[in-house]
């Protein structure tokens, strides 16, 4: 099931933000995230805010040519209504043209590509897109055909992030992934033929996955020559099917040493194939603009509005999150009420902690000058322990070594003197 809400303060019914949050918005980057909460099946490891059609009382998607009904159609209408709300709320801040858009889920490409294009058009109409805007959608490999890729490209998408996860059938079965592994290659070919960038998402540490299995996944991924690769360690989230299986002893819990070995192998194979890490779990071809600029906006503390059930937003130090269920989301917007469930205004201490937490994850590093005195004092010890690059520190940046990437939480703890 989806993870629980974080604690927060009540959000105003009209969605209004304090003037301090909107101040200076015109000089900051502005992004949009659109959460499409529908999946064909629920993967056993996933605690994202997603719903299968039977869970919503639907047998069909309800969004086809000439026919739009049910909660999926309500979602589309409600998403446009939230864009209207966002335009009203943000108008005093004079936000710049949107620099990045990301459609995530769920499986956005369960919706017709033309419908995703309509939502993108709604963003374009309200704020405009920067000339070099990055527009991404996540996709299950089974949902991408040459026709779908061509429509996405024609609508303005520039990038598709394909959920490959693994090349090994038994690993995919453990994860409850239902896509045909062969469709990864065909979807990559279709995306590239349509002129868009390709990212492949991988997961390592699945119960029963051997080091050889993981190498096979990495080698298949690099053989397809994507522009970008994400590789995330499997986390057993409470409330998921996988957590129940681990608790009952049906599958072993992922082991830290095994996941460390697999991270090192990923770095080795991807580096040998010409990719460079730019964030702990992300690699891209250098010098080609292949980094995910949308995620960089998150890590650099930019402004973004999250549209959709359960979506999170952040503008000028105010963070809020929407109600989770598609029905509650549609009902609130249908009544002219903000879908925000709660929000928090980050204080100076929280903003500093996040600056350090997120900044050290990036290969560009964190400027030593932004650290407080106790953090600057900690840098020498981190270099001595092989967690931070000495040469980079001389240049005034805190940059993690490979060992430091494996122990990033420890580095953050010491920089914050927590």
Protein backbone atom coordinates (compact mmCIF):
# COMPACT_ATOMS: atom_id res chain seq x y z
CA UNK A 1 0.00 0.00 0.00
CA UNK A 2 1.14 3.62 -0.43
CA UNK A 3 3.35 4.94 2.35
CA UNK A 4 1.85 7.07 5.12
CA UNK A 5 1.62 10.85 4.99
CA UNK A 6 4.38 12.81 6.71
CA UNK A 7 3.23 15.08 9.54
CA UNK A 8 2.40 18.65 8.62
CA UNK A 9 0.28 21.72 9.22
CA UNK A 10 -3.19 22.21 7.70
CA UNK A 11 -3.09 23.50 4.12
CA UNK A 12 -5.37 26.42 3.18
CA UNK A 13 -8.41 25.51 1.10
CA UNK A 14 -7.48 27.99 -1.60
CA UNK A 15 -3.89 26.71 -1.84
CA UNK A 16 -2.46 30.17 -1.14
CA UNK A 17 1.25 30.44 -0.39
CA UNK A 18 2.87 33.03 1.89
CA UNK A 19 4.43 36.03 0.09
CA UNK A 20 7.86 34.96 1.36
CA UNK A 21 7.61 31.72 -0.66
CA UNK A 22 6.73 33.57 -3.87
CA UNK A 23 9.35 36.28 -3.41
CA UNK A 24 12.17 35.86 -5.91
CA UNK A 25 10.43 33.05 -7.76
CA UNK A 26 11.04 34.75 -11.10
CA UNK A 27 14.80 34.32 -10.55
CA UNK A 28 14.61 30.63 -9.63
CA UNK A 29 14.04 27.56 -11.79
CA UNK A 30 10.48 26.26 -12.00
CA UNK A 31 9.47 22.66 -12.74
CA UNK A 32 6.26 20.63 -12.97
CA UNK A 33 5.75 17.06 -11.83
CA UNK A 34 2.63 15.15 -12.92
CA UNK A 35 1.78 12.02 -10.95
CA UNK A 36 -0.26 9.47 -12.92
CA UNK A 37 -1.35 6.99 -10.24
CA UNK A 38 -2.41 4.02 -12.40
CA UNK A 39 -0.66 0.66 -12.83
CA UNK A 40 -1.74 -2.59 -14.45
CA UNK A 41 -0.44 -4.56 -11.46
CA UNK A 42 1.05 -3.57 -8.11
CA UNK A 43 4.70 -4.58 -7.85
CA UNK A 44 5.46 -6.30 -4.56
CA UNK A 45 8.23 -3.87 -3.55
CA UNK A 46 6.40 -0.64 -4.42
CA UNK A 47 4.97 1.74 -1.82
CA UNK A 48 4.33 4.59 -4.27
CA UNK A 49 0.87 6.12 -4.45
CA UNK A 50 -0.45 3.88 -7.23
CA UNK A 51 -3.67 1.97 -7.88
CA UNK A 52 -4.65 -0.85 -10.20
CA UNK A 53 -7.93 -0.47 -12.06
CA UNK A 54 -9.70 -3.21 -10.05
CA UNK A 55 -8.71 -1.36 -6.84
CA UNK A 56 -10.55 1.65 -8.26
CA UNK A 57 -13.59 -0.39 -9.28
CA UNK A 58 -12.80 -0.15 -13.00
CA UNK A 59 -12.33 -2.91 -15.53
CA UNK A 60 -10.97 -0.69 -18.28
CA UNK A 61 -8.86 2.43 -18.42
CA UNK A 62 -11.83 4.56 -19.44
CA UNK A 63 -9.72 6.84 -21.62
CA UNK A 64 -9.89 5.82 -25.26
CA UNK A 65 -10.66 7.63 -28.46
CA UNK A 66 -14.20 8.98 -28.23
CA UNK A 67 -14.82 7.65 -24.71
CA UNK A 68 -13.72 9.10 -21.41
CA UNK A 69 -15.27 7.83 -18.22
CA UNK A 70 -14.49 6.68 -14.71
CA UNK A 71 -11.77 7.73 -12.33
CA UNK A 72 -9.10 7.86 -15.03
CA UNK A 73 -11.08 10.51 -16.89
CA UNK A 74 -11.80 12.29 -13.60
CA UNK A 75 -8.06 12.36 -13.00
CA UNK A 76 -7.40 14.09 -16.32
CA UNK A 77 -10.05 16.75 -15.69
CA UNK A 78 -8.80 17.22 -12.14
CA UNK A 79 -5.17 17.54 -13.23
CA UNK A 80 -6.17 20.38 -15.57
CA UNK A 81 -8.09 21.95 -12.67
CA UNK A 82 -5.01 21.75 -10.46
CA UNK A 83 -2.97 23.44 -13.19
CA UNK A 84 -5.53 26.26 -13.10
CA UNK A 85 -5.15 26.44 -9.32
CA UNK A 86 -1.36 26.51 -9.60
CA UNK A 87 -1.51 29.33 -12.14
CA UNK A 88 -3.65 31.43 -9.77
CA UNK A 89 -1.57 30.71 -6.68
CA UNK A 90 1.79 31.34 -8.34
CA UNK A 91 0.81 34.39 -10.40
CA UNK A 92 2.08 36.94 -7.82
CA UNK A 93 5.51 35.27 -7.94
CA UNK A 94 5.72 35.68 -11.72
CA UNK A 95 7.24 32.22 -12.23
CA UNK A 96 9.55 31.80 -15.21
CA UNK A 97 8.84 29.47 -18.12
CA UNK A 98 8.91 25.85 -17.03
CA UNK A 99 12.41 24.39 -17.33
CA UNK A 100 11.58 20.71 -16.72
CA UNK A 101 8.46 18.54 -16.69
CA UNK A 102 8.34 14.98 -15.40
CA UNK A 103 5.42 12.55 -15.71
CA UNK A 104 5.82 9.81 -13.11
CA UNK A 105 3.70 7.20 -11.44
CA UNK A 106 2.40 4.71 -11.58
CA UNK A 107 2.69 4.14 -15.28
CA UNK A 108 2.02 7.38 -17.16
CA UNK A 109 2.08 5.58 -20.49
CA UNK A 110 -1.01 3.60 -19.52
CA UNK A 111 -2.72 6.79 -20.68
CA UNK A 112 -2.76 7.44 -24.42
CA UNK A 113 0.22 9.48 -25.58
CA UNK A 114 -2.19 12.09 -26.92
CA UNK A 115 -3.65 12.56 -23.41
CA UNK A 116 -0.18 13.04 -21.93
CA UNK A 117 0.32 15.60 -24.68
CA UNK A 118 -2.88 17.39 -23.63
CA UNK A 119 -1.58 17.67 -20.07
CA UNK A 120 1.77 18.94 -21.33
CA UNK A 121 -0.13 21.43 -23.48
CA UNK A 122 -1.94 22.64 -20.36
CA UNK A 123 1.43 23.35 -18.74
CA UNK A 124 2.67 25.10 -21.87
CA UNK A 125 -0.46 27.25 -22.11
CA UNK A 126 -0.22 28.47 -18.51
CA UNK A 127 3.50 29.16 -18.13
CA UNK A 128 5.26 28.40 -21.37
CA UNK A 129 8.18 26.01 -21.73
CA UNK A 130 11.76 27.22 -21.75
CA UNK A 131 13.39 26.86 -25.19
CA UNK A 132 15.56 24.01 -23.93
CA UNK A 133 12.93 22.47 -21.63
CA UNK A 134 13.42 18.85 -20.64
CA UNK A 135 10.14 16.88 -20.76
CA UNK A 136 10.25 13.29 -19.46
CA UNK A 137 7.78 10.49 -19.00
CA UNK A 138 8.37 7.23 -17.21
CA UNK A 139 7.25 4.15 -19.13
CA UNK A 140 6.82 0.42 -18.77
CA UNK A 141 8.68 -1.25 -21.68
CA UNK A 142 5.48 -2.99 -22.79
CA UNK A 143 3.72 0.35 -23.35
CA UNK A 144 6.18 1.88 -25.82
CA UNK A 145 5.68 1.22 -29.53
CA UNK A 146 7.04 3.23 -32.46
CA UNK A 147 3.62 4.86 -32.80
CA UNK A 148 3.50 5.86 -29.11
CA UNK A 149 7.06 7.19 -29.25
CA UNK A 150 6.30 9.26 -32.34
CA UNK A 151 3.22 10.83 -30.71
CA UNK A 152 5.16 11.62 -27.53
CA UNK A 153 7.92 13.31 -29.52
CA UNK A 154 5.42 15.24 -31.62
CA UNK A 155 3.70 16.48 -28.43
CA UNK A 156 6.97 17.88 -27.07
CA UNK A 157 8.45 15.10 -24.95
CA UNK A 158 12.24 14.98 -25.10
CA UNK A 159 13.06 12.03 -22.86
CA UNK A 160 11.62 8.66 -21.78
CA UNK A 161 12.68 6.82 -18.63
CA UNK A 162 12.12 3.09 -19.17
CA UNK A 163 11.52 0.83 -16.17
CA UNK A 164 13.86 -2.01 -17.10
CA UNK A 165 14.73 -2.98 -13.48
CA UNK A 166 16.48 -6.24 -14.47
CA UNK A 167 17.34 -8.40 -17.47
CA UNK A 168 16.83 -11.64 -15.52
CA UNK A 169 13.34 -13.21 -15.67
CA UNK A 170 13.50 -14.73 -12.17
CA UNK A 171 14.45 -11.35 -10.67
CA UNK A 172 11.59 -9.67 -12.50
CA UNK A 173 9.21 -12.32 -11.16
CA UNK A 174 10.37 -11.70 -7.60
CA UNK A 175 9.71 -7.99 -8.12
CA UNK A 176 6.29 -8.75 -9.67
CA UNK A 177 7.36 -6.97 -12.83
CA UNK A 178 5.23 -8.22 -15.72
CA UNK A 179 6.96 -6.70 -18.75
CA UNK A 180 8.61 -8.81 -21.42
CA UNK A 181 12.39 -8.30 -21.07
CA UNK A 182 12.69 -8.32 -24.86
CA UNK A 183 10.57 -5.19 -25.02
CA UNK A 184 13.28 -3.14 -23.33
CA UNK A 185 15.37 -3.21 -26.51
CA UNK A 186 12.39 -2.56 -28.79
CA UNK A 187 11.20 0.37 -26.67
CA UNK A 188 14.70 1.89 -26.60
CA UNK A 189 14.90 1.62 -30.38
CA UNK A 190 11.48 3.27 -30.79
CA UNK A 191 12.33 6.12 -28.43
CA UNK A 192 15.65 6.79 -30.14
CA UNK A 193 14.09 6.62 -33.61
CA UNK A 194 11.60 9.28 -32.50
CA UNK A 195 14.49 11.57 -31.57
CA UNK A 196 14.16 11.45 -27.78
CA UNK A 197 16.71 10.68 -25.09
CA UNK A 198 16.52 7.33 -23.28
CA UNK A 199 17.06 6.54 -19.62
CA UNK A 200 16.99 3.02 -18.17
CA UNK A 201 15.99 2.44 -14.54
CA UNK A 202 17.54 -0.53 -12.75
CA UNK A 203 17.10 -2.07 -9.29
CA UNK A 204 19.72 -4.16 -7.50
CA UNK A 205 19.57 -6.25 -4.34
CA UNK A 206 16.43 -8.23 -5.14
CA UNK A 207 16.20 -11.41 -3.01
CA UNK A 208 17.77 -14.24 -4.98
CA UNK A 209 19.67 -11.97 -7.38
CA UNK A 210 23.29 -13.07 -7.77
CA UNK A 211 26.20 -10.86 -8.67
CA UNK A 212 26.20 -12.57 -12.08
CA UNK A 213 22.52 -11.70 -12.51
CA UNK A 214 23.25 -8.07 -11.75
CA UNK A 215 26.19 -8.02 -14.16
CA UNK A 216 23.92 -9.43 -16.88
CA UNK A 217 21.44 -6.61 -16.30
CA UNK A 218 24.16 -3.97 -16.43
CA UNK A 219 25.70 -5.43 -19.56
CA UNK A 220 22.37 -5.59 -21.36
CA UNK A 221 21.61 -2.02 -20.32
CA UNK A 222 24.94 -0.67 -21.58
CA UNK A 223 24.65 -2.68 -24.83
CA UNK A 224 21.52 -0.64 -25.60
CA UNK A 225 23.57 2.57 -25.27
CA UNK A 226 21.02 4.67 -23.35
CA UNK A 227 21.84 8.28 -22.60
CA UNK A 228 21.28 7.81 -18.88
CA UNK A 229 21.11 5.00 -16.32
CA UNK A 230 19.63 5.02 -12.82
CA UNK A 231 20.49 2.17 -10.46
CA UNK A 232 18.78 2.05 -7.07
CA UNK A 233 19.19 -0.42 -4.23
CA UNK A 234 16.02 -2.28 -3.37
CA UNK A 235 14.48 -1.03 -0.13
CA UNK A 236 11.95 -3.20 1.70
CA UNK A 237 9.21 -0.70 2.53
CA UNK A 238 6.77 -1.40 5.35
CA UNK A 239 3.28 -2.33 4.21
CA UNK A 240 4.38 -3.84 0.90
CA UNK A 241 3.93 -7.42 -0.25
CA UNK A 242 7.72 -7.83 -0.23
CA UNK A 243 7.92 -6.73 3.40
CA UNK A 244 5.34 -9.37 4.32
CA UNK A 245 7.31 -12.03 2.42
CA UNK A 246 10.49 -11.07 4.28
CA UNK A 247 8.68 -11.08 7.60
CA UNK A 248 7.31 -14.59 6.95
CA UNK A 249 10.74 -15.84 5.90
CA UNK A 250 9.65 -16.57 2.33
CA UNK A 251 12.45 -14.45 0.86
CA UNK A 252 15.66 -13.15 2.46
CA UNK A 253 16.03 -9.49 3.36
CA UNK A 254 18.52 -7.57 1.19
CA UNK A 255 21.98 -7.45 2.75
CA UNK A 256 24.04 -4.26 3.00
CA UNK A 257 27.29 -5.97 1.96
CA UNK A 258 25.63 -7.54 -1.09
CA UNK A 259 24.14 -4.20 -2.15
CA UNK A 260 27.54 -2.50 -1.66
CA UNK A 261 29.18 -5.10 -3.93
CA UNK A 262 26.50 -4.51 -6.55
CA UNK A 263 26.88 -0.74 -6.36
CA UNK A 264 30.61 -1.06 -6.93
CA UNK A 265 29.96 -3.39 -9.88
CA UNK A 266 27.48 -0.90 -11.34
CA UNK A 267 30.02 1.91 -11.08
CA UNK A 268 32.68 -0.29 -12.68
CA UNK A 269 30.56 -1.50 -15.62
CA UNK A 270 28.94 1.86 -16.30
CA UNK A 271 32.23 3.75 -16.07
CA UNK A 272 33.85 1.29 -18.48
CA UNK A 273 30.97 1.90 -20.90
CA UNK A 274 31.59 5.66 -20.87
CA UNK A 275 29.10 6.83 -18.25
CA UNK A 276 29.95 9.10 -15.33
CA UNK A 277 28.13 9.32 -12.02
CA UNK A 278 26.60 12.73 -11.36
CA UNK A 279 24.44 11.71 -8.40
CA UNK A 280 24.94 8.70 -6.16
CA UNK A 281 22.45 6.52 -8.03
CA UNK A 282 22.61 8.12 -11.48
CA UNK A 283 25.04 7.98 -14.40
CA UNK A 284 25.00 9.79 -17.74
CA UNK A 285 27.14 10.24 -20.81
CA UNK A 286 29.38 13.24 -20.07
CA UNK A 287 29.20 16.39 -22.15
CA UNK A 288 25.94 15.46 -23.86
CA UNK A 289 23.39 17.05 -21.54
CA UNK A 290 22.09 13.62 -20.59
CA UNK A 291 21.75 14.22 -16.85
CA UNK A 292 18.15 14.31 -15.60
CA UNK A 293 17.72 18.05 -15.12
CA UNK A 294 14.36 17.54 -13.42
CA UNK A 295 15.90 15.51 -10.63
CA UNK A 296 18.78 17.97 -10.41
CA UNK A 297 16.18 20.66 -9.72
CA UNK A 298 15.04 18.62 -6.70
CA UNK A 299 18.57 18.04 -5.45
CA UNK A 300 19.48 21.71 -5.87
CA UNK A 301 16.40 22.91 -3.99
CA UNK A 302 14.49 24.39 -6.94
CA UNK A 303 10.77 25.22 -7.12
CA UNK A 304 8.29 22.69 -8.43
CA UNK A 305 4.56 22.09 -8.38
CA UNK A 306 3.43 18.47 -8.15
CA UNK A 307 0.11 17.73 -9.89
CA UNK A 308 -1.92 14.62 -9.09
CA UNK A 309 -3.00 12.40 -6.19
CA UNK A 310 -0.30 12.24 -3.52
CA UNK A 311 2.05 14.55 -5.45
CA UNK A 312 4.49 16.67 -3.45
CA UNK A 313 5.41 20.29 -4.22
CA UNK A 314 8.00 22.80 -3.06
CA UNK A 315 8.09 26.56 -3.61
CA UNK A 316 10.36 28.94 -1.74
CA UNK A 317 10.82 26.78 1.34
CA UNK A 318 7.16 25.71 1.61
CA UNK A 319 6.46 22.04 0.92
CA UNK A 320 3.04 20.43 0.61
CA UNK A 321 1.47 17.15 -0.48
CA UNK A 322 -1.87 16.24 -2.03
CA UNK A 323 -4.52 13.83 -0.81
CA UNK A 324 -3.71 10.36 -2.05
CA UNK A 325 -6.81 8.66 -3.41
CA UNK A 326 -7.85 9.61 -6.95
CA UNK A 327 -11.49 9.96 -5.83
CA UNK A 328 -10.64 12.32 -2.96
CA UNK A 329 -8.35 14.26 -5.31
CA UNK A 330 -11.09 14.64 -7.94
CA UNK A 331 -13.74 15.50 -5.35
CA UNK A 332 -11.69 18.30 -3.81
CA UNK A 333 -10.84 19.93 -7.11
CA UNK A 334 -14.39 19.45 -8.33
CA UNK A 335 -15.53 21.45 -5.31
CA UNK A 336 -13.05 24.24 -6.00
CA UNK A 337 -10.83 23.24 -3.06
CA UNK A 338 -7.07 22.72 -3.13
CA UNK A 339 -6.11 19.02 -3.13
CA UNK A 340 -3.32 19.72 -0.64
CA UNK A 341 -3.63 17.53 2.45
CA UNK A 342 -1.00 19.30 4.55
CA UNK A 343 2.14 21.38 4.29
CA UNK A 344 5.22 22.56 6.15
CA UNK A 345 7.32 25.69 6.06
CA UNK A 346 10.97 24.76 6.34
CA UNK A 347 12.89 26.73 8.94
CA UNK A 348 16.52 27.79 8.55
CA UNK A 349 17.78 24.64 10.30
CA UNK A 350 15.77 22.32 8.04
CA UNK A 351 16.87 24.14 4.91
CA UNK A 352 20.51 23.90 5.94
CA UNK A 353 20.19 20.19 6.71
CA UNK A 354 18.62 19.57 3.28
CA UNK A 355 21.28 21.64 1.54
CA UNK A 356 23.96 19.37 3.01
CA UNK A 357 21.98 16.13 2.63
CA UNK A 358 21.23 16.70 -1.05
CA UNK A 359 24.34 18.61 -2.05
CA UNK A 360 26.81 15.92 -1.06
CA UNK A 361 24.97 13.39 -3.24
CA UNK A 362 26.06 15.23 -6.38
CA UNK A 363 29.35 14.73 -8.22
CA UNK A 364 29.65 18.52 -8.48
CA UNK A 365 29.91 18.46 -4.71
CA UNK A 366 28.95 20.87 -1.98
CA UNK A 367 30.84 24.17 -1.57
CA UNK A 368 32.87 24.05 1.64
CA UNK A 369 31.98 27.71 2.20
CA UNK A 370 28.29 26.91 2.78
CA UNK A 371 29.13 24.62 5.69
CA UNK A 372 28.98 25.83 9.25
CA UNK A 373 32.18 25.80 11.27
CA UNK A 374 31.62 22.29 12.66
CA UNK A 375 31.05 20.98 9.14
CA UNK A 376 34.22 22.59 7.79
CA UNK A 377 36.18 21.08 10.66
CA UNK A 378 34.83 17.63 9.76
CA UNK A 379 36.14 17.71 6.19
CA UNK A 380 39.76 16.86 7.06
CA UNK A 381 38.68 13.74 8.97
CA UNK A 382 36.44 12.66 6.10
CA UNK A 383 39.37 12.97 3.71
CA UNK A 384 41.57 10.94 6.06
CA UNK A 385 38.91 8.22 6.21
CA UNK A 386 38.72 8.03 2.42
CA UNK A 387 35.14 9.30 2.22
CA UNK A 388 35.78 12.69 0.59
CA UNK A 389 38.17 13.58 -2.24
CA UNK A 390 41.14 15.58 -0.99
CA UNK A 391 41.85 17.28 -4.33
CA UNK A 392 38.27 18.49 -4.60
CA UNK A 393 38.39 19.84 -1.06
CA UNK A 394 41.44 21.90 -1.97
CA UNK A 395 39.29 23.43 -4.72
CA UNK A 396 36.64 24.22 -2.11
CA UNK A 397 34.19 21.37 -2.82
CA UNK A 398 33.07 18.37 -0.75
CA UNK A 399 32.95 15.50 -3.27
CA UNK A 400 32.37 11.90 -2.25
CA UNK A 401 34.77 9.11 -3.12
CA UNK A 402 33.22 5.82 -4.21
CA UNK A 403 33.51 4.60 -0.62
CA UNK A 404 31.94 7.87 0.48
CA UNK A 405 29.00 7.24 -1.83
CA UNK A 406 28.41 3.93 -0.08
CA UNK A 407 28.54 5.70 3.29
CA UNK A 408 26.84 8.96 2.32
CA UNK A 409 24.63 8.95 5.42
CA UNK A 410 27.75 8.82 7.61
CA UNK A 411 29.29 11.73 5.70
CA UNK A 412 26.14 13.83 6.13
CA UNK A 413 25.97 12.95 9.85
CA UNK A 414 29.52 14.16 10.38
CA UNK A 415 29.14 17.33 8.30
CA UNK A 416 26.08 18.24 10.33
CA UNK A 417 27.81 17.22 13.56
CA UNK A 418 24.56 15.45 14.39
